[in-house]
């Protein structure tokens, strides 16, 4: 795909445009959301789904919604919204909010101060 950064391949594979966006805007949206890619790489392929929608485009009640489903021991549903009138600003806001939510989720579920527990090694044969 031309014009998108290499790190955005995780976004390309996981993002669905639901309503309000034109398919011709897909590359532009993916470039805007590319900063999510490092957070998503920590989850196994196929365990994360993203959907983005736009309600009332260019209207006074314009709202961008970015939803993320993460399959873990319990399925997580993270939602980020923005009512910014400028579409580029709204995409940046939902991206930033979702990054914070993913980071908070990881912090709550991963051992913080024990590197050994964070990266367990396979048991050695006796």
N, C-alpha and C. Protein backbone atom coordinates (compact mmCIF):
# COMPACT_ATOMS: atom_id res chain seq x y z
N UNK A 1 0.85 -1.16 0.00
CA UNK A 1 0.00 0.00 0.00
C UNK A 1 0.90 1.23 0.00
N UNK A 2 0.68 2.14 -0.88
CA UNK A 2 1.56 3.29 -1.00
C UNK A 2 1.15 4.40 -0.06
N UNK A 3 2.15 5.10 0.45
CA UNK A 3 1.89 6.26 1.27
C UNK A 3 1.68 5.99 2.74
N UNK A 4 1.70 4.75 3.18
CA UNK A 4 1.52 4.48 4.60
C UNK A 4 2.82 4.00 5.18
N UNK A 5 3.13 4.38 6.42
CA UNK A 5 4.38 3.93 7.03
C UNK A 5 4.36 2.43 7.28
N UNK A 6 5.55 1.86 7.29
CA UNK A 6 5.65 0.41 7.49
C UNK A 6 5.05 -0.02 8.82
N UNK A 7 5.21 0.82 9.87
CA UNK A 7 4.70 0.43 11.17
C UNK A 7 3.17 0.40 11.22
N UNK A 8 2.51 0.89 10.21
CA UNK A 8 1.05 0.92 10.20
C UNK A 8 0.44 -0.38 9.67
N UNK A 9 1.25 -1.38 9.34
CA UNK A 9 0.68 -2.62 8.80
C UNK A 9 -0.26 -3.30 9.80
N UNK A 10 0.02 -3.16 11.10
CA UNK A 10 -0.89 -3.72 12.10
C UNK A 10 -2.25 -3.03 12.03
N UNK A 11 -2.25 -1.75 11.78
CA UNK A 11 -3.50 -1.00 11.67
C UNK A 11 -4.25 -1.41 10.41
N UNK A 12 -3.53 -1.55 9.30
CA UNK A 12 -4.14 -1.92 8.03
C UNK A 12 -4.90 -3.23 8.17
N UNK A 13 -4.31 -4.21 8.83
CA UNK A 13 -4.90 -5.53 8.96
C UNK A 13 -6.06 -5.58 9.93
N UNK A 14 -6.13 -4.65 10.87
CA UNK A 14 -7.12 -4.74 11.94
C UNK A 14 -8.24 -3.72 11.87
N UNK A 15 -8.12 -2.69 11.05
CA UNK A 15 -9.07 -1.59 11.05
C UNK A 15 -10.20 -1.80 10.04
N UNK A 16 -11.42 -1.55 10.52
CA UNK A 16 -12.59 -1.53 9.65
C UNK A 16 -13.20 -0.15 9.69
N UNK A 17 -13.50 0.41 8.53
CA UNK A 17 -14.24 1.67 8.45
C UNK A 17 -15.72 1.30 8.46
N UNK A 18 -16.44 1.79 9.46
CA UNK A 18 -17.84 1.37 9.61
C UNK A 18 -18.77 2.33 8.89
N UNK A 19 -18.96 3.53 9.40
CA UNK A 19 -19.86 4.48 8.76
C UNK A 19 -19.24 5.87 8.77
N UNK A 20 -19.63 6.68 7.80
CA UNK A 20 -19.22 8.07 7.76
C UNK A 20 -17.93 8.36 7.01
N UNK A 21 -17.06 7.40 6.89
CA UNK A 21 -15.81 7.60 6.17
C UNK A 21 -15.92 7.01 4.77
N UNK A 22 -15.21 7.63 3.83
CA UNK A 22 -15.16 7.12 2.47
C UNK A 22 -13.99 6.15 2.36
N UNK A 23 -14.12 5.15 1.52
CA UNK A 23 -13.04 4.17 1.37
C UNK A 23 -11.77 4.84 0.84
N UNK A 24 -11.91 5.95 0.13
CA UNK A 24 -10.74 6.67 -0.38
C UNK A 24 -9.94 7.33 0.75
N UNK A 25 -10.52 7.48 1.94
CA UNK A 25 -9.84 8.09 3.08
C UNK A 25 -9.08 7.07 3.92
N UNK A 26 -9.18 5.81 3.59
CA UNK A 26 -8.59 4.75 4.41
C UNK A 26 -7.09 4.95 4.66
N UNK A 27 -6.31 5.24 3.62
CA UNK A 27 -4.87 5.44 3.79
C UNK A 27 -4.56 6.61 4.72
N UNK A 28 -5.29 7.69 4.56
CA UNK A 28 -5.10 8.87 5.41
C UNK A 28 -5.41 8.54 6.87
N UNK A 29 -6.49 7.81 7.09
CA UNK A 29 -6.88 7.42 8.46
C UNK A 29 -5.81 6.51 9.06
N UNK A 30 -5.33 5.56 8.28
CA UNK A 30 -4.30 4.63 8.77
C UNK A 30 -3.02 5.39 9.15
N UNK A 31 -2.63 6.37 8.35
CA UNK A 31 -1.46 7.17 8.71
C UNK A 31 -1.69 7.93 10.01
N UNK A 32 -2.89 8.43 10.22
CA UNK A 32 -3.22 9.15 11.46
C UNK A 32 -3.19 8.23 12.68
N UNK A 33 -3.57 6.97 12.50
CA UNK A 33 -3.66 6.03 13.61
C UNK A 33 -2.40 5.17 13.77
N UNK A 34 -1.37 5.43 12.97
CA UNK A 34 -0.16 4.59 12.97
C UNK A 34 0.52 4.51 14.33
N UNK A 35 0.38 5.51 15.16
CA UNK A 35 1.02 5.49 16.49
C UNK A 35 0.42 4.40 17.39
N UNK A 36 -0.71 3.84 17.02
CA UNK A 36 -1.30 2.72 17.78
C UNK A 36 -0.55 1.41 17.55
N UNK A 37 0.12 1.30 16.42
CA UNK A 37 0.75 0.04 16.02
C UNK A 37 1.67 -0.56 17.07
N UNK A 38 2.59 0.20 17.70
CA UNK A 38 3.45 -0.42 18.71
C UNK A 38 2.67 -1.03 19.88
N UNK A 39 1.55 -0.41 20.25
CA UNK A 39 0.73 -0.95 21.34
C UNK A 39 0.05 -2.25 20.91
N UNK A 40 -0.37 -2.31 19.66
CA UNK A 40 -1.10 -3.48 19.18
C UNK A 40 -0.19 -4.68 18.93
N UNK A 41 1.09 -4.42 18.63
CA UNK A 41 2.03 -5.51 18.36
C UNK A 41 2.24 -6.42 19.56
N UNK A 42 1.96 -5.93 20.75
CA UNK A 42 2.17 -6.75 21.95
C UNK A 42 1.09 -7.82 22.10
N UNK A 43 0.04 -7.75 21.30
CA UNK A 43 -1.02 -8.76 21.35
C UNK A 43 -0.86 -9.69 20.16
N UNK A 44 -1.19 -10.97 20.32
CA UNK A 44 -1.05 -11.92 19.21
C UNK A 44 -1.90 -11.50 18.01
N UNK A 45 -1.41 -11.86 16.83
CA UNK A 45 -2.15 -11.53 15.61
C UNK A 45 -3.55 -12.15 15.68
N UNK A 46 -4.53 -11.40 15.31
CA UNK A 46 -5.90 -11.89 15.32
C UNK A 46 -6.62 -11.68 16.64
N UNK A 47 -5.95 -11.11 17.64
CA UNK A 47 -6.57 -10.89 18.94
C UNK A 47 -7.09 -9.48 19.12
N UNK A 48 -6.89 -8.61 18.13
CA UNK A 48 -7.32 -7.22 18.24
C UNK A 48 -8.13 -6.85 16.99
N UNK A 49 -9.28 -6.23 17.22
CA UNK A 49 -10.10 -5.70 16.13
C UNK A 49 -10.35 -4.23 16.40
N UNK A 50 -10.29 -3.42 15.34
CA UNK A 50 -10.53 -1.99 15.44
C UNK A 50 -11.65 -1.58 14.48
N UNK A 51 -12.52 -0.70 14.94
CA UNK A 51 -13.56 -0.12 14.09
C UNK A 51 -13.59 1.38 14.33
N UNK A 52 -13.71 2.12 13.25
CA UNK A 52 -13.83 3.57 13.38
C UNK A 52 -15.07 4.03 12.62
N UNK A 53 -15.80 4.95 13.23
CA UNK A 53 -17.00 5.47 12.60
C UNK A 53 -17.08 6.98 12.79
N UNK A 54 -17.85 7.61 11.92
CA UNK A 54 -18.02 9.05 11.94
C UNK A 54 -19.51 9.35 11.82
N UNK A 55 -20.01 10.09 12.78
CA UNK A 55 -21.43 10.43 12.81
C UNK A 55 -21.59 11.91 12.50
N UNK A 56 -22.54 12.28 11.67
CA UNK A 56 -22.90 13.67 11.37
C UNK A 56 -21.70 14.45 10.84
N UNK A 57 -21.10 13.93 9.78
CA UNK A 57 -19.90 14.55 9.18
C UNK A 57 -20.15 16.02 8.84
N UNK A 58 -19.21 16.87 9.26
CA UNK A 58 -19.24 18.32 9.04
C UNK A 58 -20.44 19.01 9.69
N UNK A 59 -21.16 18.31 10.53
CA UNK A 59 -22.29 18.92 11.24
C UNK A 59 -21.86 19.42 12.60
N UNK A 60 -22.78 20.05 13.30
CA UNK A 60 -22.45 20.59 14.62
C UNK A 60 -22.28 19.48 15.66
N UNK A 61 -22.84 18.31 15.40
CA UNK A 61 -22.73 17.17 16.33
C UNK A 61 -21.78 16.10 15.81
N UNK A 62 -20.79 16.48 15.01
CA UNK A 62 -19.85 15.49 14.47
C UNK A 62 -19.17 14.73 15.59
N UNK A 63 -19.11 13.40 15.46
CA UNK A 63 -18.48 12.57 16.48
C UNK A 63 -17.74 11.42 15.82
N UNK A 64 -16.45 11.28 16.18
CA UNK A 64 -15.63 10.16 15.71
C UNK A 64 -15.53 9.16 16.86
N UNK A 65 -15.77 7.89 16.56
CA UNK A 65 -15.70 6.84 17.56
C UNK A 65 -14.73 5.77 17.08
N UNK A 66 -13.75 5.44 17.92
CA UNK A 66 -12.79 4.37 17.63
C UNK A 66 -12.99 3.30 18.69
N UNK A 67 -13.35 2.09 18.24
CA UNK A 67 -13.59 0.98 19.16
C UNK A 67 -12.51 -0.08 18.96
N UNK A 68 -12.12 -0.70 20.05
CA UNK A 68 -11.08 -1.71 20.04
C UNK A 68 -11.55 -2.90 20.87
N UNK A 69 -11.49 -4.09 20.29
CA UNK A 69 -11.78 -5.32 21.01
C UNK A 69 -10.50 -6.12 21.12
N UNK A 70 -10.16 -6.52 22.33
CA UNK A 70 -8.95 -7.30 22.57
C UNK A 70 -9.37 -8.61 23.22
N UNK A 71 -9.01 -9.71 22.57
CA UNK A 71 -9.32 -11.04 23.12
C UNK A 71 -8.19 -11.46 24.05
N UNK A 72 -8.50 -11.51 25.32
CA UNK A 72 -7.58 -11.97 26.36
C UNK A 72 -8.35 -12.97 27.20
N UNK A 73 -7.95 -13.17 28.44
CA UNK A 73 -8.69 -14.09 29.30
C UNK A 73 -10.14 -13.62 29.42
N UNK A 74 -10.35 -12.32 29.47
CA UNK A 74 -11.69 -11.75 29.33
C UNK A 74 -11.62 -10.74 28.20
N UNK A 75 -12.62 -10.72 27.36
CA UNK A 75 -12.58 -9.85 26.19
C UNK A 75 -12.78 -8.39 26.61
N UNK A 76 -11.87 -7.54 26.19
CA UNK A 76 -11.92 -6.13 26.51
C UNK A 76 -12.55 -5.35 25.36
N UNK A 77 -13.36 -4.38 25.71
CA UNK A 77 -13.95 -3.49 24.71
C UNK A 77 -13.61 -2.08 25.12
N UNK A 78 -12.72 -1.43 24.37
CA UNK A 78 -12.28 -0.07 24.66
C UNK A 78 -12.91 0.86 23.64
N UNK A 79 -13.41 2.01 24.11
CA UNK A 79 -14.08 2.96 23.23
C UNK A 79 -13.48 4.34 23.46
N UNK A 80 -13.19 5.02 22.36
CA UNK A 80 -12.65 6.37 22.41
C UNK A 80 -13.47 7.24 21.47
N UNK A 81 -13.90 8.41 21.93
CA UNK A 81 -14.71 9.29 21.09
C UNK A 81 -14.15 10.71 21.10
N UNK A 82 -14.48 11.46 20.07
CA UNK A 82 -14.09 12.86 19.98
C UNK A 82 -15.17 13.63 19.23
N UNK A 83 -15.45 14.82 19.71
CA UNK A 83 -16.42 15.70 19.06
C UNK A 83 -15.73 16.91 18.43
N UNK A 84 -14.43 16.83 18.20
CA UNK A 84 -13.69 17.94 17.60
C UNK A 84 -14.24 18.22 16.20
N UNK A 85 -14.42 19.49 15.85
CA UNK A 85 -14.98 19.81 14.53
C UNK A 85 -14.03 19.51 13.37
N UNK A 86 -12.73 19.56 13.60
CA UNK A 86 -11.75 19.23 12.57
C UNK A 86 -11.48 17.72 12.60
N UNK A 87 -11.65 17.07 11.48
CA UNK A 87 -11.53 15.62 11.42
C UNK A 87 -10.14 15.13 11.80
N UNK A 88 -9.09 15.82 11.37
CA UNK A 88 -7.72 15.42 11.71
C UNK A 88 -7.49 15.50 13.22
N UNK A 89 -7.99 16.54 13.84
CA UNK A 89 -7.87 16.70 15.29
C UNK A 89 -8.64 15.60 16.01
N UNK A 90 -9.83 15.29 15.52
CA UNK A 90 -10.65 14.24 16.13
C UNK A 90 -9.94 12.88 16.07
N UNK A 91 -9.31 12.58 14.92
CA UNK A 91 -8.58 11.32 14.80
C UNK A 91 -7.40 11.27 15.77
N UNK A 92 -6.71 12.38 15.92
CA UNK A 92 -5.60 12.43 16.87
C UNK A 92 -6.09 12.23 18.30
N UNK A 93 -7.24 12.81 18.64
CA UNK A 93 -7.78 12.67 19.99
C UNK A 93 -8.20 11.23 20.29
N UNK A 94 -8.89 10.57 19.35
CA UNK A 94 -9.31 9.18 19.62
C UNK A 94 -8.11 8.25 19.66
N UNK A 95 -7.09 8.53 18.84
CA UNK A 95 -5.87 7.73 18.88
C UNK A 95 -5.18 7.87 20.23
N UNK A 96 -5.01 9.08 20.69
CA UNK A 96 -4.36 9.32 21.98
C UNK A 96 -5.12 8.70 23.14
N UNK A 97 -6.42 8.82 23.11
CA UNK A 97 -7.24 8.25 24.18
C UNK A 97 -7.14 6.72 24.18
N UNK A 98 -7.17 6.11 22.99
CA UNK A 98 -7.08 4.65 22.93
C UNK A 98 -5.70 4.16 23.36
N UNK A 99 -4.65 4.90 23.02
CA UNK A 99 -3.30 4.54 23.47
C UNK A 99 -3.26 4.53 25.00
N UNK A 100 -3.82 5.56 25.62
CA UNK A 100 -3.85 5.62 27.10
C UNK A 100 -4.63 4.45 27.69
N UNK A 101 -5.77 4.13 27.08
CA UNK A 101 -6.58 3.01 27.59
C UNK A 101 -5.84 1.68 27.47
N UNK A 102 -5.16 1.46 26.35
CA UNK A 102 -4.41 0.22 26.17
C UNK A 102 -3.27 0.15 27.17
N UNK A 103 -2.55 1.27 27.35
CA UNK A 103 -1.47 1.29 28.33
C UNK A 103 -1.99 1.02 29.74
N UNK A 104 -3.12 1.62 30.10
CA UNK A 104 -3.71 1.38 31.42
C UNK A 104 -4.11 -0.08 31.59
N UNK A 105 -4.66 -0.68 30.55
CA UNK A 105 -5.06 -2.08 30.60
C UNK A 105 -3.85 -2.98 30.80
N UNK A 106 -2.77 -2.71 30.08
CA UNK A 106 -1.54 -3.51 30.24
C UNK A 106 -0.98 -3.35 31.64
N UNK A 107 -0.98 -2.13 32.15
CA UNK A 107 -0.43 -1.87 33.48
C UNK A 107 -1.21 -2.64 34.55
N UNK A 108 -2.53 -2.70 34.39
CA UNK A 108 -3.35 -3.40 35.38
C UNK A 108 -3.16 -4.91 35.34
N UNK A 109 -2.81 -5.46 34.17
CA UNK A 109 -2.78 -6.91 34.03
C UNK A 109 -1.39 -7.52 34.03
N UNK A 110 -0.35 -6.72 33.80
CA UNK A 110 1.01 -7.27 33.78
C UNK A 110 1.71 -7.01 35.10
N UNK A 111 2.59 -7.90 35.52
CA UNK A 111 3.40 -7.63 36.70
C UNK A 111 4.28 -6.41 36.44
N UNK A 112 4.27 -5.47 37.37
CA UNK A 112 4.98 -4.22 37.13
C UNK A 112 6.47 -4.30 37.41
N UNK A 113 6.83 -4.86 38.52
CA UNK A 113 8.21 -4.75 38.96
C UNK A 113 8.99 -6.05 38.86
N UNK A 114 8.42 -7.06 38.25
CA UNK A 114 9.09 -8.35 38.20
C UNK A 114 9.29 -8.75 36.74
N UNK A 115 10.44 -8.44 36.22
CA UNK A 115 10.74 -8.72 34.82
C UNK A 115 10.66 -10.23 34.51
N UNK A 116 11.02 -11.05 35.48
CA UNK A 116 10.97 -12.50 35.27
C UNK A 116 9.54 -12.95 35.01
N UNK A 117 8.58 -12.41 35.73
CA UNK A 117 7.19 -12.78 35.51
C UNK A 117 6.64 -12.20 34.22
N UNK A 118 7.16 -11.07 33.80
CA UNK A 118 6.71 -10.46 32.57
C UNK A 118 7.15 -11.24 31.34
N UNK A 119 8.32 -11.85 31.41
CA UNK A 119 8.87 -12.61 30.28
C UNK A 119 9.28 -14.00 30.78
N UNK A 120 8.30 -14.86 31.04
CA UNK A 120 8.66 -16.18 31.57
C UNK A 120 9.46 -17.00 30.56
N UNK A 121 10.40 -17.75 31.10
CA UNK A 121 11.21 -18.64 30.27
C UNK A 121 10.64 -20.04 30.35
N UNK A 122 10.78 -20.80 29.29
CA UNK A 122 10.30 -22.19 29.34
C UNK A 122 11.12 -22.99 30.37
N UNK A 123 10.48 -23.96 30.97
CA UNK A 123 11.17 -24.78 31.97
C UNK A 123 12.27 -25.58 31.30
N UNK A 124 13.40 -25.66 31.98
CA UNK A 124 14.53 -26.42 31.44
C UNK A 124 14.35 -27.89 31.77
N UNK A 125 14.68 -28.78 30.80
CA UNK A 125 14.54 -30.22 31.07
C UNK A 125 15.53 -30.67 32.15
N UNK A 126 15.08 -31.60 32.95
CA UNK A 126 15.93 -32.08 34.06
C UNK A 126 16.79 -33.23 33.65
